[in-house]
């Protein structure tokens, strides 16, 4: 059977897409479907919820950061041995940046490229018939993007449901479900978005509750029937020249990867690609005071929440000593939170300053917060684990920490925003150590 696909979209963040998607994924799994989740745009957290709901690894599909051939391959691999792929939109369905055609980063790009229909989730709290105007606007905004059906979310009463449903169906769009207002469905959040899946002690039970709600509230048969064939992007249909397109080459043969509550943000497609290329991932936990395996030839400190764990990291002497010993002869790279830990000091939210690894000379603060958010393209000024000198790598920034001392290190890259506007030198490098607030997604093509 050829896999089918559908996009879960909404007018904005906070509409309930993630709860609907997670519950839908588990409900479909209960029905015996082999189901996979995917996320449009740059997002580390939701793919982990998708994996928890389905038992199958999630994936990101980013139309700005990834070349089209890479998206084709990743979606093709996701559809292999799957009956249905559910793609969750980031932000609003059409939200992205001004860029080349179908390279904005929006979920609508994926809808156009693959002919995927959209299940539109509308938060109808505070409105009733007006929801039809919103739905109609989505239906006619872009003829190349098909709105297949609507799910009403946060419905207050049966009368509320009836008013909104009749108005929407009168403009020609089917309503395929209505989810009643229920605060217990809301997933907890913190400053970078949802609290991570790995931090929920009772996550599986919560997902089951969401699935129970979706089974009661959605017409699952109609939703499955709306999904479109992904036959054109199955692994067997992808050109041989495109099947080898990868995001980033493995930074080493044996990769020591920091992995715990402080270090969690590494895109699933990178881990999968590195393993497929023959690299071995050797995880270690700085919070458990573990050092990187000295038999590895590169160490990677991903992003995460070191600002919430700064005291424990500062007290982790085995981690500190092992990192310093490792960096004497082998490459070390830190992204965002990892970059913060590579520096001299980190000031936490309470204004307490903690000594970090000191492998780079900068200092950061979470007490003096400023949101940095957006697509970035980095042209590397030196060889490092994310590429060779002169390479341009696409990715993004998303952090609240500020750089309070730049330090004496040479910059790692020249950085520009998603539209190519230069932002100056970025990151730091010293010997075999490199780091930056920039999260790498894929090499530019």
Protein backbone atom coordinates (compact mmCIF):
# COMPACT_ATOMS: atom_id res chain seq x y z
CA UNK A 1 0.00 0.00 0.00
CA UNK A 2 1.28 3.48 -0.89
CA UNK A 3 1.45 5.81 2.09
CA UNK A 4 -0.83 8.81 2.24
CA UNK A 5 -0.25 12.18 3.82
CA UNK A 6 -2.14 15.09 5.34
CA UNK A 7 -1.15 18.40 6.99
CA UNK A 8 -2.62 19.62 10.27
CA UNK A 9 -2.58 23.43 10.03
CA UNK A 10 -4.08 26.43 11.81
CA UNK A 11 -4.26 30.22 11.57
CA UNK A 12 -1.66 30.73 14.33
CA UNK A 13 0.35 29.17 17.12
CA UNK A 14 -1.71 28.27 20.16
CA UNK A 15 -4.69 27.01 18.18
CA UNK A 16 -4.30 23.45 19.49
CA UNK A 17 -2.51 21.87 16.50
CA UNK A 18 -0.09 19.89 18.63
CA UNK A 19 -2.73 18.35 20.91
CA UNK A 20 -4.91 17.47 17.92
CA UNK A 21 -1.93 16.03 16.03
CA UNK A 22 -0.65 13.94 18.93
CA UNK A 23 -4.10 12.59 19.72
CA UNK A 24 -4.79 11.90 16.04
CA UNK A 25 -1.49 10.03 15.64
CA UNK A 26 -2.20 7.76 18.61
CA UNK A 27 -5.83 7.24 17.58
CA UNK A 28 -4.75 6.16 14.10
CA UNK A 29 -2.15 3.84 15.60
CA UNK A 30 -4.87 2.25 17.73
CA UNK A 31 -6.79 1.54 14.54
CA UNK A 32 -3.87 -0.46 13.24
CA UNK A 33 -2.35 2.10 10.90
CA UNK A 34 1.41 2.38 10.59
CA UNK A 35 1.58 6.13 11.16
CA UNK A 36 4.43 8.65 11.15
CA UNK A 37 4.56 12.25 12.31
CA UNK A 38 6.46 15.12 10.69
CA UNK A 39 6.89 18.80 11.57
CA UNK A 40 7.26 21.71 9.20
CA UNK A 41 9.89 24.31 9.99
CA UNK A 42 12.53 24.43 12.74
CA UNK A 43 11.22 22.65 15.85
CA UNK A 44 13.04 20.18 18.09
CA UNK A 45 10.27 19.46 20.56
CA UNK A 46 7.20 18.35 18.60
CA UNK A 47 8.92 15.49 16.71
CA UNK A 48 9.65 13.86 20.08
CA UNK A 49 5.93 13.99 20.92
CA UNK A 50 5.15 12.50 17.51
CA UNK A 51 7.56 9.65 18.20
CA UNK A 52 6.03 9.06 21.62
CA UNK A 53 2.56 8.89 20.07
CA UNK A 54 3.46 6.53 17.23
CA UNK A 55 6.54 4.60 18.31
CA UNK A 56 8.23 5.77 15.10
CA UNK A 57 10.85 8.50 14.79
CA UNK A 58 9.59 11.94 13.83
CA UNK A 59 11.21 14.20 11.24
CA UNK A 60 11.45 17.88 10.34
CA UNK A 61 10.65 19.12 6.83
CA UNK A 62 11.92 22.68 6.46
CA UNK A 63 11.37 24.19 3.02
CA UNK A 64 13.69 27.15 3.65
CA UNK A 65 16.62 25.42 5.33
CA UNK A 66 16.53 22.15 3.39
CA UNK A 67 17.08 21.80 -0.37
CA UNK A 68 14.03 20.32 -2.11
CA UNK A 69 15.80 17.05 -2.87
CA UNK A 70 16.52 16.55 0.82
CA UNK A 71 12.88 17.14 1.76
CA UNK A 72 11.83 14.66 -0.92
CA UNK A 73 14.18 12.05 0.52
CA UNK A 74 13.16 12.63 4.14
CA UNK A 75 9.45 12.48 3.36
CA UNK A 76 10.05 9.44 1.17
CA UNK A 77 11.87 7.67 4.00
CA UNK A 78 9.08 8.63 6.42
CA UNK A 79 6.48 7.13 4.08
CA UNK A 80 8.37 3.85 3.77
CA UNK A 81 6.59 1.13 5.77
CA UNK A 82 3.91 3.68 6.72
CA UNK A 83 0.23 3.89 5.85
CA UNK A 84 -0.18 7.57 6.66
CA UNK A 85 2.12 10.53 7.42
CA UNK A 86 0.65 13.40 9.45
CA UNK A 87 2.56 16.68 9.02
CA UNK A 88 2.06 19.25 11.78
CA UNK A 89 2.42 22.86 10.67
CA UNK A 90 4.60 25.31 12.55
CA UNK A 91 2.87 28.59 13.51
CA UNK A 92 0.17 29.54 10.99
CA UNK A 93 -0.21 27.48 7.83
CA UNK A 94 1.17 30.20 5.52
CA UNK A 95 3.70 31.70 7.94
CA UNK A 96 7.27 31.84 6.66
CA UNK A 97 9.71 34.36 5.28
CA UNK A 98 9.81 36.15 1.94
CA UNK A 99 11.94 33.84 -0.17
CA UNK A 100 12.13 31.91 -3.41
CA UNK A 101 9.01 30.11 -4.54
CA UNK A 102 8.08 27.29 -2.15
CA UNK A 103 11.16 28.05 0.00
CA UNK A 104 9.52 30.19 2.70
CA UNK A 105 9.65 27.62 5.49
CA UNK A 106 5.85 27.43 5.74
CA UNK A 107 3.77 24.27 5.81
CA UNK A 108 1.91 25.65 2.79
CA UNK A 109 5.10 25.05 0.77
CA UNK A 110 4.81 21.34 1.57
CA UNK A 111 1.12 21.34 0.67
CA UNK A 112 1.94 22.76 -2.77
CA UNK A 113 5.00 20.60 -3.43
CA UNK A 114 3.41 17.29 -2.52
CA UNK A 115 -0.28 18.01 -3.11
CA UNK A 116 -1.03 17.41 0.56
CA UNK A 117 -4.51 18.41 1.75
CA UNK A 118 -4.86 20.46 4.93
CA UNK A 119 -6.92 19.65 8.00
CA UNK A 120 -7.54 23.14 9.42
CA UNK A 121 -7.76 23.41 13.22
CA UNK A 122 -9.75 26.48 14.27
CA UNK A 123 -9.80 27.72 17.85
CA UNK A 124 -13.40 28.97 17.96
CA UNK A 125 -13.36 30.22 21.53
CA UNK A 126 -14.82 33.72 21.55
CA UNK A 127 -16.55 33.34 18.17
CA UNK A 128 -19.09 31.21 16.35
CA UNK A 129 -20.24 32.08 12.80
CA UNK A 130 -17.18 34.29 12.32
CA UNK A 131 -15.15 31.08 12.15
CA UNK A 132 -16.67 30.58 8.70
CA UNK A 133 -15.07 33.77 7.46
CA UNK A 134 -11.68 32.55 8.67
CA UNK A 135 -12.18 29.13 7.08
CA UNK A 136 -13.37 30.68 3.82
CA UNK A 137 -10.30 32.92 3.74
CA UNK A 138 -8.04 29.90 4.05
CA UNK A 139 -9.96 28.09 1.33
CA UNK A 140 -9.52 30.87 -1.26
CA UNK A 141 -6.21 32.44 -0.20
CA UNK A 142 -4.06 30.12 -2.32
CA UNK A 143 -5.69 27.88 -4.96
CA UNK A 144 -2.67 25.57 -4.84
CA UNK A 145 -3.32 24.77 -1.16
CA UNK A 146 -6.39 22.59 -0.58
CA UNK A 147 -8.28 22.89 2.70
CA UNK A 148 -9.88 19.45 2.91
CA UNK A 149 -11.71 19.81 6.19
CA UNK A 150 -12.03 21.75 9.44
CA UNK A 151 -11.70 20.72 13.07
CA UNK A 152 -13.33 23.03 15.60
CA UNK A 153 -11.26 23.33 18.78
CA UNK A 154 -12.16 24.68 22.23
CA UNK A 155 -15.88 24.48 21.59
CA UNK A 156 -17.92 25.74 24.54
CA UNK A 157 -21.28 24.01 24.09
CA UNK A 158 -23.47 22.04 21.71
CA UNK A 159 -25.11 25.28 20.56
CA UNK A 160 -21.66 26.80 19.95
CA UNK A 161 -20.67 23.76 17.89
CA UNK A 162 -23.86 23.87 15.84
CA UNK A 163 -23.56 27.59 15.01
CA UNK A 164 -19.93 27.33 13.89
CA UNK A 165 -20.42 24.07 12.00
CA UNK A 166 -23.44 25.24 10.04
CA UNK A 167 -21.74 28.51 9.09
CA UNK A 168 -18.55 26.78 7.90
CA UNK A 169 -20.36 24.10 5.95
CA UNK A 170 -22.49 26.79 4.31
CA UNK A 171 -19.33 28.18 2.68
CA UNK A 172 -18.47 24.75 1.29
CA UNK A 173 -16.03 23.27 3.79
CA UNK A 174 -16.75 20.08 5.73
CA UNK A 175 -16.38 20.09 9.51
CA UNK A 176 -14.89 16.72 10.42
CA UNK A 177 -14.69 17.14 14.16
CA UNK A 178 -15.37 19.33 17.18
CA UNK A 179 -13.19 19.23 20.29
CA UNK A 180 -14.78 20.61 23.43
CA UNK A 181 -12.95 23.09 25.63
CA UNK A 182 -10.81 21.11 28.09
CA UNK A 183 -7.88 22.70 29.96
CA UNK A 184 -6.47 19.25 30.81
CA UNK A 185 -5.56 18.77 27.14
CA UNK A 186 -3.08 21.65 27.24
CA UNK A 187 0.58 20.66 27.30
CA UNK A 188 2.82 22.64 29.71
CA UNK A 189 5.18 25.24 28.24
CA UNK A 190 8.35 27.10 29.12
CA UNK A 191 10.41 29.83 27.46
CA UNK A 192 11.37 27.86 24.32
CA UNK A 193 7.96 26.26 23.80
CA UNK A 194 6.45 23.03 25.09
CA UNK A 195 8.12 21.21 27.95
CA UNK A 196 9.97 18.35 26.30
CA UNK A 197 8.40 14.94 25.86
CA UNK A 198 11.19 13.29 27.89
CA UNK A 199 10.30 15.42 30.92
CA UNK A 200 6.69 14.22 31.22
CA UNK A 201 6.51 11.53 33.88
CA UNK A 202 3.07 10.43 32.67
CA UNK A 203 3.41 11.22 28.97
CA UNK A 204 1.98 7.98 27.57
CA UNK A 205 -1.14 8.29 29.70
CA UNK A 206 -1.58 11.90 28.57
CA UNK A 207 -1.27 10.88 24.92
CA UNK A 208 -3.84 8.16 25.50
CA UNK A 209 -6.22 10.76 26.95
CA UNK A 210 -5.71 12.94 23.86
CA UNK A 211 -6.39 9.92 21.65
CA UNK A 212 -9.59 9.18 23.59
CA UNK A 213 -10.74 12.76 22.94
CA UNK A 214 -9.93 12.55 19.22
CA UNK A 215 -11.71 9.22 18.85
CA UNK A 216 -14.83 10.79 20.37
CA UNK A 217 -14.51 14.12 18.59
CA UNK A 218 -13.17 13.49 15.07
CA UNK A 219 -14.48 11.53 12.11
CA UNK A 220 -11.33 9.48 11.69
CA UNK A 221 -12.60 7.63 8.62
CA UNK A 222 -13.22 10.89 6.77
CA UNK A 223 -9.83 12.27 7.77
CA UNK A 224 -8.04 9.15 6.53
CA UNK A 225 -10.04 9.36 3.33
CA UNK A 226 -8.92 12.96 2.79
CA UNK A 227 -5.21 12.08 2.88
CA UNK A 228 -3.41 12.14 -0.48
CA UNK A 229 -1.08 9.54 -1.95
CA UNK A 230 2.66 10.00 -1.38
CA UNK A 231 3.54 7.65 -4.22
CA UNK A 232 5.73 10.21 -5.98
CA UNK A 233 8.11 10.47 -3.00
CA UNK A 234 8.54 6.83 -2.04
CA UNK A 235 12.21 5.79 -1.79
CA UNK A 236 11.94 3.79 -5.02
CA UNK A 237 10.68 6.86 -6.94
CA UNK A 238 13.48 9.23 -5.90
CA UNK A 239 16.26 9.76 -8.43
CA UNK A 240 19.60 8.11 -7.51
CA UNK A 241 21.32 11.53 -7.67
CA UNK A 242 18.88 12.86 -5.06
CA UNK A 243 18.84 9.83 -2.76
CA UNK A 244 22.37 10.64 -1.56
CA UNK A 245 21.66 14.30 -0.73
CA UNK A 246 22.34 14.74 2.99
CA UNK A 247 21.98 17.66 5.35
CA UNK A 248 25.36 17.54 7.12
CA UNK A 249 28.17 15.05 6.81
CA UNK A 250 28.99 13.18 10.03
CA UNK A 251 31.48 15.24 12.04
CA UNK A 252 33.40 12.07 12.94
CA UNK A 253 33.34 8.29 12.93
CA UNK A 254 32.58 8.07 16.67
CA UNK A 255 30.59 11.03 17.99
CA UNK A 256 30.40 11.70 21.72
CA UNK A 257 26.97 13.32 22.12
CA UNK A 258 25.89 15.11 25.30
CA UNK A 259 22.36 13.91 26.02
CA UNK A 260 20.26 14.64 29.10
CA UNK A 261 17.80 17.26 30.39
CA UNK A 262 20.33 20.05 29.70
CA UNK A 263 21.30 18.90 26.18
CA UNK A 264 18.43 17.71 24.01
CA UNK A 265 18.12 19.78 20.84
CA UNK A 266 19.54 17.88 17.89
CA UNK A 267 17.44 17.34 14.80
CA UNK A 268 16.34 13.71 14.22
CA UNK A 269 17.36 13.80 10.56
CA UNK A 270 20.98 14.59 11.52
CA UNK A 271 21.25 11.66 13.92
CA UNK A 272 19.65 9.34 11.35
CA UNK A 273 21.94 10.52 8.55
CA UNK A 274 25.09 10.19 10.63
CA UNK A 275 24.17 6.65 11.60
CA UNK A 276 23.25 5.76 8.02
CA UNK A 277 26.67 7.02 6.95
CA UNK A 278 28.32 4.59 9.37
CA UNK A 279 29.01 6.94 12.30
CA UNK A 280 28.53 5.69 15.84
CA UNK A 281 26.74 7.91 18.37
CA UNK A 282 28.10 7.54 21.92
CA UNK A 283 25.86 9.46 24.35
CA UNK A 284 26.98 10.77 27.72
CA UNK A 285 25.29 12.83 30.45
CA UNK A 286 27.01 15.96 31.77
CA UNK A 287 24.33 16.24 34.46
CA UNK A 288 25.36 12.79 35.70
CA UNK A 289 28.96 14.11 35.73
CA UNK A 290 29.97 11.91 32.82
CA UNK A 291 32.83 12.78 30.48
CA UNK A 292 32.83 12.12 26.74
CA UNK A 293 34.18 8.72 25.76
CA UNK A 294 37.85 9.30 25.06
CA UNK A 295 37.76 6.78 22.20
CA UNK A 296 35.55 9.18 20.19
CA UNK A 297 37.04 11.57 17.66
CA UNK A 298 34.52 14.42 18.02
CA UNK A 299 32.29 15.74 20.81
CA UNK A 300 28.99 17.53 20.16
CA UNK A 301 27.16 19.58 22.81
CA UNK A 302 23.67 20.28 21.42
CA UNK A 303 21.24 22.94 22.55
CA UNK A 304 18.83 22.48 25.40
CA UNK A 305 18.29 24.06 28.80
CA UNK A 306 21.69 24.48 30.50
CA UNK A 307 20.40 27.74 32.01
CA UNK A 308 18.04 25.64 34.16
CA UNK A 309 20.86 23.28 35.21
CA UNK A 310 23.80 25.70 35.53
CA UNK A 311 24.60 24.87 39.14
CA UNK A 312 24.76 21.13 38.51
CA UNK A 313 26.89 21.63 35.40
CA UNK A 314 29.29 23.90 37.29
CA UNK A 315 29.72 21.21 39.96
CA UNK A 316 30.30 18.37 37.47
CA UNK A 317 34.08 18.03 37.83
CA UNK A 318 34.47 14.79 35.91
CA UNK A 319 32.56 16.32 33.00
CA UNK A 320 34.71 19.46 33.09
CA UNK A 321 38.02 17.62 33.32
CA UNK A 322 37.02 15.08 30.67
CA UNK A 323 35.94 17.82 28.27
CA UNK A 324 39.21 19.69 28.70
CA UNK A 325 41.22 16.53 28.14
CA UNK A 326 39.15 15.66 25.06
CA UNK A 327 39.54 19.14 23.56
CA UNK A 328 43.33 18.97 23.73
CA UNK A 329 43.44 16.66 20.71
CA UNK A 330 39.95 16.37 19.19
CA UNK A 331 37.16 18.55 17.85
CA UNK A 332 34.43 19.85 20.15
CA UNK A 333 31.38 21.78 18.92
CA UNK A 334 28.56 23.42 20.85
CA UNK A 335 25.23 24.69 19.52
CA UNK A 336 23.24 27.32 21.44
CA UNK A 337 23.03 25.80 24.94
CA UNK A 338 26.19 23.84 24.20
CA UNK A 339 27.87 27.09 23.16
CA UNK A 340 26.86 28.65 26.47
CA UNK A 341 28.45 25.78 28.40
CA UNK A 342 31.69 26.00 26.39
CA UNK A 343 32.15 29.59 27.60
CA UNK A 344 33.65 31.02 30.77
CA UNK A 345 30.50 31.83 32.74
CA UNK A 346 26.72 31.46 32.60
CA UNK A 347 24.40 33.71 34.63
CA UNK A 348 21.13 31.96 35.48
CA UNK A 349 17.66 33.49 35.74
CA UNK A 350 18.22 34.39 39.40
CA UNK A 351 21.34 36.39 38.56
CA UNK A 352 23.73 33.78 39.99
CA UNK A 353 26.89 33.34 37.91
CA UNK A 354 28.29 29.84 37.41
CA UNK A 355 31.67 28.86 35.98
CA UNK A 356 31.38 26.82 32.80
CA UNK A 357 34.01 24.87 30.83
CA UNK A 358 36.16 27.83 29.76
CA UNK A 359 37.05 26.20 26.45
CA UNK A 360 35.91 29.41 24.76
CA UNK A 361 36.22 32.91 26.18
CA UNK A 362 32.67 34.29 26.08
CA UNK A 363 30.10 34.59 28.88
CA UNK A 364 26.32 34.45 28.63
CA UNK A 365 23.36 35.50 30.75
CA UNK A 366 19.84 34.21 31.07
CA UNK A 367 19.00 36.92 33.61
CA UNK A 368 19.50 39.63 30.97
CA UNK A 369 17.13 38.08 28.48
CA UNK A 370 16.42 39.03 24.90
CA UNK A 371 14.65 36.79 22.43
CA UNK A 372 16.66 35.94 19.32
CA UNK A 373 14.55 34.12 16.77
CA UNK A 374 14.82 33.56 13.05
CA UNK A 375 16.34 31.73 10.14
CA UNK A 376 20.08 32.14 9.69
CA UNK A 377 22.66 31.22 7.05
CA UNK A 378 26.23 30.85 8.22
CA UNK A 379 29.31 31.01 5.99
CA UNK A 380 32.05 29.20 7.86
CA UNK A 381 35.38 30.95 8.43
CA UNK A 382 37.16 27.74 9.46
CA UNK A 383 36.77 23.98 9.34
CA UNK A 384 34.57 22.70 12.17
CA UNK A 385 32.16 19.80 12.82
CA UNK A 386 29.33 21.44 10.85
CA UNK A 387 31.36 21.93 7.67
CA UNK A 388 34.44 23.18 5.86
CA UNK A 389 35.74 26.72 5.53
CA UNK A 390 33.67 28.56 2.93
CA UNK A 391 30.62 26.29 3.30
CA UNK A 392 27.25 27.96 3.80
CA UNK A 393 24.95 26.17 6.21
CA UNK A 394 21.31 27.01 6.80
CA UNK A 395 19.66 26.88 10.20
CA UNK A 396 18.14 29.13 12.81
CA UNK A 397 18.50 30.91 16.15
CA UNK A 398 16.04 30.59 19.01
CA UNK A 399 17.23 31.62 22.44
CA UNK A 400 16.65 34.14 25.19
CA UNK A 401 20.19 34.17 26.55
CA UNK A 402 22.41 37.14 25.77
CA UNK A 403 26.13 37.34 25.13
CA UNK A 404 27.48 39.60 27.89
CA UNK A 405 31.20 39.11 27.17
CA UNK A 406 32.32 38.33 23.63
CA UNK A 407 35.73 36.99 24.66
CA UNK A 408 38.93 37.00 22.60
CA UNK A 409 38.22 34.04 20.30
CA UNK A 410 38.14 34.25 16.51
CA UNK A 411 34.61 34.15 15.02
CA UNK A 412 33.34 30.90 13.59
CA UNK A 413 31.15 32.27 10.79
CA UNK A 414 29.76 35.25 8.99
CA UNK A 415 26.04 35.15 9.62
CA UNK A 416 23.06 36.47 7.64
CA UNK A 417 19.34 36.30 8.20
CA UNK A 418 16.96 34.23 6.09
CA UNK A 419 16.79 36.89 3.39
CA UNK A 420 20.55 37.31 3.16
CA UNK A 421 20.91 40.50 5.23
CA UNK A 422 24.36 40.40 6.83
CA UNK A 423 24.39 40.25 10.64
CA UNK A 424 28.16 40.15 11.11
CA UNK A 425 30.61 37.71 12.63
CA UNK A 426 29.17 35.01 14.84
CA UNK A 427 30.25 32.31 17.29
CA UNK A 428 33.74 31.49 18.42
CA UNK A 429 36.63 29.11 17.74
CA UNK A 430 39.81 28.32 19.59
CA UNK A 431 42.01 25.44 18.53
CA UNK A 432 39.79 22.41 18.01
CA UNK A 433 36.83 23.96 19.87
CA UNK A 434 33.99 25.78 18.12
CA UNK A 435 30.56 27.02 19.07
CA UNK A 436 27.69 29.28 18.11
CA UNK A 437 24.09 30.13 19.02
CA UNK A 438 23.24 28.95 15.48
CA UNK A 439 21.45 25.59 15.08
CA UNK A 440 22.53 23.86 11.84
CA UNK A 441 19.83 22.18 9.75
CA UNK A 442 21.37 21.59 6.30
CA UNK A 443 24.03 22.73 3.89
CA UNK A 444 22.83 25.39 1.46
CA UNK A 445 22.25 24.26 -2.13
